[in-house]
Protein backbone atom coordinates (compact mmCIF):
# COMPACT_ATOMS: atom_id res chain seq x y z
CA UNK A 1 0.36 8.89 -5.22
CA UNK A 2 -2.15 6.23 -6.28
CA UNK A 3 -2.69 7.87 -9.65
CA UNK A 4 1.04 7.85 -10.26
CA UNK A 5 1.26 4.21 -9.31
CA UNK A 6 -1.55 3.39 -11.76
CA UNK A 7 0.14 5.43 -14.48
CA UNK A 8 3.30 3.42 -14.04
CA UNK A 9 1.46 0.13 -14.08
CA UNK A 10 2.10 -0.78 -10.44
CA UNK A 11 -1.63 -0.65 -9.67
CA UNK A 12 -4.61 -0.85 -11.94
CA UNK A 13 -6.84 2.23 -12.26
CA UNK A 14 -9.57 0.32 -10.33
CA UNK A 15 -7.30 -0.52 -7.40
CA UNK A 16 -5.86 3.05 -7.35
CA UNK A 17 -9.36 4.54 -7.23
CA UNK A 18 -10.39 2.10 -4.46
CA UNK A 19 -7.32 2.98 -2.41
CA UNK A 20 -7.96 6.70 -2.82
CA UNK A 21 -11.60 6.20 -1.71
CA UNK A 22 -10.48 4.10 1.26
CA UNK A 23 -8.02 6.78 2.41
CA UNK A 24 -10.49 9.57 1.80
CA UNK A 25 -13.26 7.83 3.71
CA UNK A 26 -11.12 6.83 6.72
CA UNK A 27 -8.48 9.48 7.06
CA UNK A 28 -10.19 11.14 10.09
CA UNK A 29 -10.18 7.85 11.86
CA UNK A 30 -6.46 7.48 11.15
CA UNK A 31 -5.72 11.02 12.20
CA UNK A 32 -7.65 10.77 15.46
CA UNK A 33 -6.59 7.15 16.01
CA UNK A 34 -10.14 5.92 16.34
CA UNK A 35 -10.32 2.18 16.41
CA UNK A 36 -6.61 1.49 16.71
CA UNK A 37 -5.56 -1.61 14.83
CA UNK A 38 -5.68 -4.98 16.60
CA UNK A 39 -2.78 -7.40 16.36
CA UNK A 40 -4.63 -9.35 13.66
CA UNK A 41 -5.15 -6.19 11.56
CA UNK A 42 -1.54 -5.15 12.00
CA UNK A 43 -0.37 -8.62 10.85
CA UNK A 44 -2.61 -8.39 7.77
CA UNK A 45 -1.33 -4.91 6.92
CA UNK A 46 2.24 -6.13 7.29
CA UNK A 47 1.47 -9.05 5.01
CA UNK A 48 -0.08 -6.68 2.40
CA UNK A 49 2.89 -4.31 2.62
CA UNK A 50 5.33 -7.21 2.22
CA UNK A 51 3.49 -8.48 -0.88
CA UNK A 52 3.35 -4.94 -2.35
CA UNK A 53 7.04 -4.51 -1.69
CA UNK A 54 7.91 -7.81 -3.35
CA UNK A 55 5.83 -6.92 -6.39
CA UNK A 56 7.46 -3.48 -6.81
CA UNK A 57 10.96 -4.82 -6.29
CA UNK A 58 10.30 -7.61 -8.84
CA UNK A 59 9.20 -5.05 -11.43
CA UNK A 60 12.46 -3.14 -11.09
CA UNK A 61 15.50 -3.79 -13.20
CA UNK A 62 17.51 -2.73 -10.16
CA UNK A 63 15.99 -5.13 -7.62
CA UNK A 64 19.50 -5.96 -6.43
CA UNK A 65 19.63 -2.43 -4.99
CA UNK A 66 16.78 -2.96 -2.51
CA UNK A 67 18.11 -2.22 1.00
CA UNK A 68 15.09 -3.51 2.95
CA UNK A 69 16.57 -6.85 3.92
């Protein structure tokens, strides 16, 4: 997924590799729900997801078709 995003220019190769490493290094914690996210972490993740969504939508010629709002 990250490699494809980098190939399409959504992420840089560097960011894609870092995200892959992050997932690889912490997937067991996610699977076993070790260290569940705090409210602050959840808010930061939501902020990141919102910014990523805005970036992707703004790159699309069909941004008027986004049904997220």
